[in-house]
Amino acid sequence: MTAPSPDPTAGPDTFQRLLAGVEPDAAVFRAALASAEPATRRYVLLFSPRSGSTWLAFLLEQTGVLGRPFEYIHPDHVAGHARAAGTTDPAGLLAVLLRQRKTPNGVFGIKTLAADIVRFGEAPFFAEFGGNTEFFCL
């Protein structure tokens, strides 16, 4: 019998705990939202380790027109992105990323693990990446 998988929303690296040292900055957040329109085309690369996702993300970014897929909500990166966005609100962070991390032709890509979506918050994630978002499972 195998041990159950850990619950990513209950551990020491929940989204709010990951952002414990980040102070929201309303002026930075407002400026980021005003900086551009959000991406009009979106995709999510759902990956597992050793799936070739890093190589694929690199190739997509190098085109200059297929987004800049990065692990924006990964525990190692999310605090830096939240600090740069001026917000600790998950929906607010996505709103800023969709404006600042798109390619000039309006494409936004994100690379993520399913556990990172759960940790980040499924509701804000799928509220933003529902409907017209393309999902690619590696």
N, C-alpha and C. Protein backbone atom coordinates (compact mmCIF):
# COMPACT_ATOMS: atom_id res chain seq x y z
N MET A 1 0.84 -1.18 0.00
CA MET A 1 0.00 0.00 0.00
C MET A 1 0.89 1.24 0.00
N THR A 2 0.54 2.22 -0.82
CA THR A 2 1.33 3.45 -0.88
C THR A 2 0.70 4.52 -0.01
N ALA A 3 1.52 5.41 0.45
CA ALA A 3 1.04 6.53 1.27
C ALA A 3 0.27 7.50 0.37
N PRO A 4 -0.77 8.14 0.93
CA PRO A 4 -1.51 9.11 0.11
C PRO A 4 -0.63 10.29 -0.26
N SER A 5 -0.93 10.88 -1.40
CA SER A 5 -0.19 12.06 -1.84
C SER A 5 -0.47 13.21 -0.88
N PRO A 6 0.54 14.02 -0.61
CA PRO A 6 0.32 15.16 0.27
C PRO A 6 -0.65 16.17 -0.36
N ASP A 7 -1.42 16.80 0.48
CA ASP A 7 -2.37 17.82 0.03
C ASP A 7 -1.61 19.13 -0.15
N PRO A 8 -1.47 19.64 -1.40
CA PRO A 8 -0.69 20.86 -1.62
C PRO A 8 -1.31 22.10 -0.99
N THR A 9 -2.57 22.04 -0.59
CA THR A 9 -3.19 23.21 0.03
C THR A 9 -3.01 23.21 1.54
N ALA A 10 -2.44 22.13 2.10
CA ALA A 10 -2.32 22.04 3.56
C ALA A 10 -0.88 22.13 4.05
N GLY A 11 0.07 22.11 3.18
CA GLY A 11 1.48 22.07 3.58
C GLY A 11 2.06 23.42 3.89
N PRO A 12 3.36 23.43 4.15
CA PRO A 12 4.05 24.67 4.50
C PRO A 12 4.19 25.64 3.33
N ASP A 13 3.87 25.19 2.12
CA ASP A 13 4.04 26.06 0.96
C ASP A 13 2.72 26.41 0.29
N THR A 14 1.66 26.62 1.09
CA THR A 14 0.42 27.09 0.50
C THR A 14 0.64 28.48 -0.08
N PHE A 15 -0.23 28.90 -0.97
CA PHE A 15 -0.05 30.17 -1.65
C PHE A 15 0.13 31.32 -0.66
N GLN A 16 -0.73 31.43 0.32
CA GLN A 16 -0.63 32.54 1.27
C GLN A 16 0.66 32.46 2.09
N ARG A 17 1.10 31.27 2.42
CA ARG A 17 2.36 31.14 3.16
C ARG A 17 3.55 31.49 2.28
N LEU A 18 3.46 31.14 1.01
CA LEU A 18 4.54 31.47 0.08
C LEU A 18 4.71 32.98 -0.07
N LEU A 19 3.60 33.70 0.11
CA LEU A 19 3.63 35.16 -0.05
C LEU A 19 3.66 35.90 1.27
N ALA A 20 3.97 35.20 2.36
CA ALA A 20 3.94 35.81 3.69
C ALA A 20 4.82 37.05 3.80
N GLY A 21 5.95 37.11 3.12
CA GLY A 21 6.85 38.26 3.22
C GLY A 21 6.63 39.32 2.16
N VAL A 22 5.63 39.13 1.31
CA VAL A 22 5.38 40.07 0.22
C VAL A 22 4.36 41.11 0.67
N GLU A 23 4.72 42.38 0.56
CA GLU A 23 3.82 43.47 0.90
C GLU A 23 3.15 43.98 -0.37
N PRO A 24 1.82 43.96 -0.43
CA PRO A 24 1.14 44.52 -1.61
C PRO A 24 1.46 46.00 -1.77
N ASP A 25 1.54 46.45 -3.00
CA ASP A 25 1.80 47.85 -3.30
C ASP A 25 0.74 48.29 -4.31
N ALA A 26 -0.27 48.98 -3.82
CA ALA A 26 -1.41 49.37 -4.64
C ALA A 26 -1.01 50.20 -5.85
N ALA A 27 -0.03 51.07 -5.70
CA ALA A 27 0.41 51.92 -6.81
C ALA A 27 1.07 51.08 -7.92
N VAL A 28 1.89 50.13 -7.53
CA VAL A 28 2.53 49.24 -8.50
C VAL A 28 1.48 48.40 -9.20
N PHE A 29 0.52 47.89 -8.43
CA PHE A 29 -0.54 47.06 -9.00
C PHE A 29 -1.39 47.86 -10.00
N ARG A 30 -1.81 49.05 -9.63
CA ARG A 30 -2.60 49.89 -10.55
C ARG A 30 -1.82 50.21 -11.83
N ALA A 31 -0.55 50.53 -11.68
CA ALA A 31 0.27 50.83 -12.85
C ALA A 31 0.41 49.61 -13.75
N ALA A 32 0.57 48.45 -13.14
CA ALA A 32 0.69 47.21 -13.93
C ALA A 32 -0.59 46.92 -14.70
N LEU A 33 -1.73 47.13 -14.06
CA LEU A 33 -3.01 46.89 -14.74
C LEU A 33 -3.22 47.89 -15.87
N ALA A 34 -2.72 49.09 -15.69
CA ALA A 34 -2.90 50.13 -16.71
C ALA A 34 -1.86 50.04 -17.83
N SER A 35 -0.86 49.18 -17.65
CA SER A 35 0.26 49.14 -18.60
C SER A 35 -0.11 48.58 -19.97
N ALA A 36 -1.12 47.74 -20.03
CA ALA A 36 -1.48 47.10 -21.31
C ALA A 36 -2.80 46.38 -21.17
N GLU A 37 -3.35 46.01 -22.29
CA GLU A 37 -4.54 45.15 -22.30
C GLU A 37 -4.08 43.72 -22.01
N PRO A 38 -4.96 42.90 -21.44
CA PRO A 38 -4.57 41.51 -21.20
C PRO A 38 -4.44 40.72 -22.49
N ALA A 39 -3.75 39.61 -22.42
CA ALA A 39 -3.57 38.74 -23.57
C ALA A 39 -4.92 38.30 -24.13
N THR A 40 -5.01 38.25 -25.43
CA THR A 40 -6.26 37.83 -26.07
C THR A 40 -6.28 36.34 -26.36
N ARG A 41 -5.11 35.73 -26.40
CA ARG A 41 -5.00 34.29 -26.62
C ARG A 41 -4.15 33.71 -25.50
N ARG A 42 -4.63 32.58 -24.94
CA ARG A 42 -3.98 32.01 -23.76
C ARG A 42 -3.85 30.50 -23.89
N TYR A 43 -2.77 29.98 -23.30
CA TYR A 43 -2.65 28.53 -23.22
C TYR A 43 -1.94 28.13 -21.93
N VAL A 44 -2.19 26.90 -21.52
CA VAL A 44 -1.60 26.33 -20.32
C VAL A 44 -0.89 25.04 -20.72
N LEU A 45 0.37 24.93 -20.34
CA LEU A 45 1.12 23.69 -20.50
C LEU A 45 1.09 22.97 -19.16
N LEU A 46 0.29 21.92 -19.05
CA LEU A 46 0.27 21.09 -17.85
C LEU A 46 1.33 20.02 -18.06
N PHE A 47 2.25 19.91 -17.13
CA PHE A 47 3.35 19.00 -17.35
C PHE A 47 3.62 18.14 -16.13
N SER A 48 4.38 17.11 -16.35
CA SER A 48 4.92 16.28 -15.28
C SER A 48 6.44 16.33 -15.44
N PRO A 49 7.16 16.04 -14.38
CA PRO A 49 8.62 16.07 -14.48
C PRO A 49 9.12 15.14 -15.59
N ARG A 50 10.16 15.57 -16.25
CA ARG A 50 10.84 14.82 -17.30
C ARG A 50 9.95 14.63 -18.54
N SER A 51 9.02 15.56 -18.78
CA SER A 51 8.10 15.44 -19.92
C SER A 51 8.58 16.20 -21.15
N GLY A 52 9.66 16.96 -21.02
CA GLY A 52 10.15 17.78 -22.13
C GLY A 52 9.56 19.18 -22.13
N SER A 53 8.90 19.55 -21.04
CA SER A 53 8.22 20.85 -20.98
C SER A 53 9.18 22.03 -21.01
N THR A 54 10.33 21.90 -20.40
CA THR A 54 11.30 23.01 -20.40
C THR A 54 11.79 23.27 -21.82
N TRP A 55 12.09 22.22 -22.54
CA TRP A 55 12.52 22.34 -23.93
C TRP A 55 11.41 22.95 -24.77
N LEU A 56 10.18 22.45 -24.62
CA LEU A 56 9.05 22.98 -25.39
C LEU A 56 8.81 24.46 -25.06
N ALA A 57 8.83 24.82 -23.78
CA ALA A 57 8.61 26.21 -23.39
C ALA A 57 9.69 27.12 -23.99
N PHE A 58 10.92 26.65 -23.99
CA PHE A 58 12.01 27.42 -24.58
C PHE A 58 11.75 27.64 -26.07
N LEU A 59 11.37 26.61 -26.79
CA LEU A 59 11.09 26.74 -28.22
C LEU A 59 9.93 27.70 -28.48
N LEU A 60 8.87 27.59 -27.69
CA LEU A 60 7.72 28.48 -27.86
C LEU A 60 8.12 29.94 -27.63
N GLU A 61 8.88 30.18 -26.58
CA GLU A 61 9.31 31.55 -26.29
C GLU A 61 10.20 32.10 -27.40
N GLN A 62 11.06 31.28 -27.94
CA GLN A 62 12.00 31.73 -28.96
C GLN A 62 11.31 32.18 -30.25
N THR A 63 10.10 31.75 -30.48
CA THR A 63 9.39 32.19 -31.69
C THR A 63 9.05 33.67 -31.62
N GLY A 64 8.90 34.20 -30.39
CA GLY A 64 8.53 35.60 -30.21
C GLY A 64 7.05 35.88 -30.41
N VAL A 65 6.30 34.88 -30.80
CA VAL A 65 4.87 35.08 -31.05
C VAL A 65 3.98 34.05 -30.35
N LEU A 66 4.57 33.11 -29.63
CA LEU A 66 3.79 32.03 -29.01
C LEU A 66 3.83 32.08 -27.49
N GLY A 67 3.88 33.27 -26.93
CA GLY A 67 3.87 33.42 -25.49
C GLY A 67 5.24 33.19 -24.87
N ARG A 68 5.27 33.37 -23.57
CA ARG A 68 6.49 33.16 -22.79
C ARG A 68 6.14 32.20 -21.65
N PRO A 69 5.89 30.93 -21.97
CA PRO A 69 5.44 30.01 -20.93
C PRO A 69 6.50 29.78 -19.86
N PHE A 70 6.17 30.11 -18.66
CA PHE A 70 7.07 29.99 -17.52
C PHE A 70 6.26 29.48 -16.35
N GLU A 71 6.91 28.96 -15.34
CA GLU A 71 6.23 28.47 -14.15
C GLU A 71 5.94 29.63 -13.19
N TYR A 72 5.08 30.52 -13.60
CA TYR A 72 4.78 31.73 -12.83
C TYR A 72 4.23 31.45 -11.44
N ILE A 73 3.48 30.36 -11.26
CA ILE A 73 2.86 30.09 -9.96
C ILE A 73 3.58 28.99 -9.18
N HIS A 74 4.75 28.59 -9.63
CA HIS A 74 5.54 27.60 -8.91
C HIS A 74 6.02 28.20 -7.59
N PRO A 75 6.09 27.40 -6.51
CA PRO A 75 6.52 27.93 -5.21
C PRO A 75 7.85 28.67 -5.23
N ASP A 76 8.77 28.29 -6.10
CA ASP A 76 10.06 28.97 -6.15
C ASP A 76 10.01 30.33 -6.84
N HIS A 77 8.94 30.61 -7.56
CA HIS A 77 8.88 31.83 -8.38
C HIS A 77 7.74 32.79 -8.03
N VAL A 78 6.69 32.28 -7.41
CA VAL A 78 5.47 33.07 -7.26
C VAL A 78 5.66 34.33 -6.41
N ALA A 79 6.48 34.29 -5.38
CA ALA A 79 6.67 35.48 -4.54
C ALA A 79 7.32 36.61 -5.33
N GLY A 80 8.28 36.30 -6.16
CA GLY A 80 8.91 37.33 -6.98
C GLY A 80 7.94 37.96 -7.96
N HIS A 81 7.10 37.14 -8.56
CA HIS A 81 6.10 37.68 -9.50
C HIS A 81 5.05 38.50 -8.76
N ALA A 82 4.65 38.06 -7.58
CA ALA A 82 3.67 38.81 -6.79
C ALA A 82 4.25 40.16 -6.36
N ARG A 83 5.49 40.15 -5.95
CA ARG A 83 6.15 41.40 -5.54
C ARG A 83 6.22 42.38 -6.73
N ALA A 84 6.60 41.89 -7.89
CA ALA A 84 6.70 42.74 -9.08
C ALA A 84 5.32 43.24 -9.52
N ALA A 85 4.28 42.46 -9.25
CA ALA A 85 2.92 42.85 -9.62
C ALA A 85 2.27 43.75 -8.59
N GLY A 86 2.84 43.81 -7.38
CA GLY A 86 2.28 44.66 -6.33
C GLY A 86 1.06 44.08 -5.66
N THR A 87 0.86 42.76 -5.77
CA THR A 87 -0.34 42.16 -5.19
C THR A 87 -0.06 40.76 -4.66
N THR A 88 -0.82 40.38 -3.65
CA THR A 88 -0.79 39.02 -3.14
C THR A 88 -2.10 38.30 -3.42
N ASP A 89 -2.96 38.92 -4.17
CA ASP A 89 -4.24 38.33 -4.56
C ASP A 89 -4.02 37.45 -5.79
N PRO A 90 -4.43 36.18 -5.75
CA PRO A 90 -4.21 35.31 -6.91
C PRO A 90 -4.80 35.86 -8.21
N ALA A 91 -6.03 36.33 -8.18
CA ALA A 91 -6.65 36.87 -9.40
C ALA A 91 -5.91 38.12 -9.88
N GLY A 92 -5.48 38.95 -8.95
CA GLY A 92 -4.74 40.15 -9.32
C GLY A 92 -3.40 39.81 -9.95
N LEU A 93 -2.73 38.80 -9.41
CA LEU A 93 -1.45 38.38 -9.98
C LEU A 93 -1.64 37.89 -11.41
N LEU A 94 -2.65 37.08 -11.64
CA LEU A 94 -2.90 36.60 -13.00
C LEU A 94 -3.24 37.75 -13.94
N ALA A 95 -4.01 38.72 -13.46
CA ALA A 95 -4.37 39.87 -14.29
C ALA A 95 -3.12 40.63 -14.74
N VAL A 96 -2.16 40.78 -13.85
CA VAL A 96 -0.92 41.48 -14.20
C VAL A 96 -0.08 40.63 -15.15
N LEU A 97 0.06 39.36 -14.85
CA LEU A 97 0.85 38.49 -15.72
C LEU A 97 0.30 38.48 -17.15
N LEU A 98 -1.00 38.46 -17.28
CA LEU A 98 -1.62 38.45 -18.61
C LEU A 98 -1.34 39.72 -19.39
N ARG A 99 -0.98 40.78 -18.71
CA ARG A 99 -0.64 42.04 -19.36
C ARG A 99 0.86 42.16 -19.63
N GLN A 100 1.65 41.72 -18.68
CA GLN A 100 3.09 41.96 -18.76
C GLN A 100 3.91 40.82 -19.33
N ARG A 101 3.35 39.64 -19.39
CA ARG A 101 4.12 38.48 -19.85
C ARG A 101 3.58 37.89 -21.16
N LYS A 102 2.87 38.69 -21.91
CA LYS A 102 2.37 38.23 -23.21
C LYS A 102 3.36 38.65 -24.30
N THR A 103 3.25 38.01 -25.44
CA THR A 103 4.05 38.43 -26.59
C THR A 103 3.34 39.61 -27.26
N PRO A 104 4.04 40.36 -28.08
CA PRO A 104 3.43 41.55 -28.70
C PRO A 104 2.14 41.28 -29.48
N ASN A 105 1.96 40.05 -29.94
CA ASN A 105 0.74 39.72 -30.67
C ASN A 105 -0.39 39.24 -29.75
N GLY A 106 -0.22 39.37 -28.43
CA GLY A 106 -1.29 39.09 -27.48
C GLY A 106 -1.42 37.66 -27.02
N VAL A 107 -0.34 36.88 -27.05
CA VAL A 107 -0.39 35.48 -26.62
C VAL A 107 0.29 35.34 -25.26
N PHE A 108 -0.39 34.64 -24.35
CA PHE A 108 0.16 34.36 -23.02
C PHE A 108 0.17 32.86 -22.80
N GLY A 109 1.29 32.35 -22.34
CA GLY A 109 1.41 30.94 -21.98
C GLY A 109 1.91 30.79 -20.57
N ILE A 110 1.42 29.77 -19.90
CA ILE A 110 1.89 29.45 -18.55
C ILE A 110 2.18 27.96 -18.51
N LYS A 111 3.26 27.61 -17.86
CA LYS A 111 3.67 26.22 -17.68
C LYS A 111 3.46 25.90 -16.21
N THR A 112 2.76 24.80 -15.91
CA THR A 112 2.46 24.53 -14.51
C THR A 112 2.19 23.06 -14.24
N LEU A 113 2.40 22.69 -13.02
CA LEU A 113 2.01 21.38 -12.50
C LEU A 113 0.59 21.48 -11.96
N ALA A 114 -0.14 20.39 -11.98
CA ALA A 114 -1.49 20.39 -11.41
C ALA A 114 -1.45 20.76 -9.93
N ALA A 115 -0.45 20.26 -9.20
CA ALA A 115 -0.33 20.58 -7.77
C ALA A 115 -0.14 22.07 -7.54
N ASP A 116 0.53 22.76 -8.45
CA ASP A 116 0.71 24.21 -8.30
C ASP A 116 -0.61 24.94 -8.50
N ILE A 117 -1.46 24.45 -9.37
CA ILE A 117 -2.79 25.05 -9.56
C ILE A 117 -3.60 24.91 -8.29
N VAL A 118 -3.56 23.74 -7.68
CA VAL A 118 -4.29 23.50 -6.42
C VAL A 118 -3.75 24.42 -5.34
N ARG A 119 -2.44 24.50 -5.22
CA ARG A 119 -1.80 25.35 -4.20
C ARG A 119 -2.15 26.82 -4.43
N PHE A 120 -2.12 27.25 -5.67
CA PHE A 120 -2.40 28.64 -6.04
C PHE A 120 -3.86 28.99 -5.76
N GLY A 121 -4.74 28.06 -6.09
CA GLY A 121 -6.18 28.26 -5.94
C GLY A 121 -6.86 27.93 -7.25
N GLU A 122 -7.60 26.86 -7.26
CA GLU A 122 -8.26 26.43 -8.50
C GLU A 122 -9.28 27.45 -8.99
N ALA A 123 -10.02 28.05 -8.08
CA ALA A 123 -11.07 29.00 -8.49
C ALA A 123 -10.50 30.19 -9.26
N PRO A 124 -9.50 30.92 -8.73
CA PRO A 124 -8.98 32.04 -9.51
C PRO A 124 -8.26 31.59 -10.77
N PHE A 125 -7.60 30.44 -10.72
CA PHE A 125 -6.88 29.97 -11.89
C PHE A 125 -7.85 29.67 -13.03
N PHE A 126 -8.88 28.88 -12.75
CA PHE A 126 -9.80 28.50 -13.81
C PHE A 126 -10.80 29.60 -14.16
N ALA A 127 -10.97 30.58 -13.29
CA ALA A 127 -11.78 31.75 -13.66
C ALA A 127 -11.06 32.52 -14.77
N GLU A 128 -9.75 32.55 -14.71
CA GLU A 128 -8.96 33.26 -15.72
C GLU A 128 -8.67 32.38 -16.93
N PHE A 129 -8.38 31.12 -16.68
CA PHE A 129 -8.01 30.20 -17.76
C PHE A 129 -9.10 29.17 -18.00
N GLY A 130 -10.24 29.64 -18.34
CA GLY A 130 -11.35 28.77 -18.71
C GLY A 130 -11.71 29.07 -20.14
N GLY A 131 -12.89 28.71 -20.52
CA GLY A 131 -13.44 29.08 -21.82
C GLY A 131 -12.52 28.95 -23.00
N ASN A 132 -11.89 30.04 -23.41
CA ASN A 132 -11.11 30.07 -24.64
C ASN A 132 -9.63 29.74 -24.46
N THR A 133 -9.26 29.21 -23.32
CA THR A 133 -7.87 28.85 -23.07
C THR A 133 -7.60 27.45 -23.63
N GLU A 134 -6.46 27.30 -24.30
CA GLU A 134 -6.05 25.98 -24.79
C GLU A 134 -5.18 25.32 -23.70
N PHE A 135 -5.44 24.05 -23.45
CA PHE A 135 -4.66 23.28 -22.48
C PHE A 135 -3.90 22.18 -23.22
N PHE A 136 -2.63 22.07 -22.90
CA PHE A 136 -1.77 21.02 -23.48
C PHE A 136 -1.21 20.21 -22.33
N CYS A 137 -1.47 18.93 -22.33
CA CYS A 137 -0.99 18.04 -21.27
C CYS A 137 0.21 17.26 -21.76
N LEU A 138 1.33 17.41 -21.07
CA LEU A 138 2.56 16.71 -21.44
C LEU A 138 2.80 15.56 -20.48
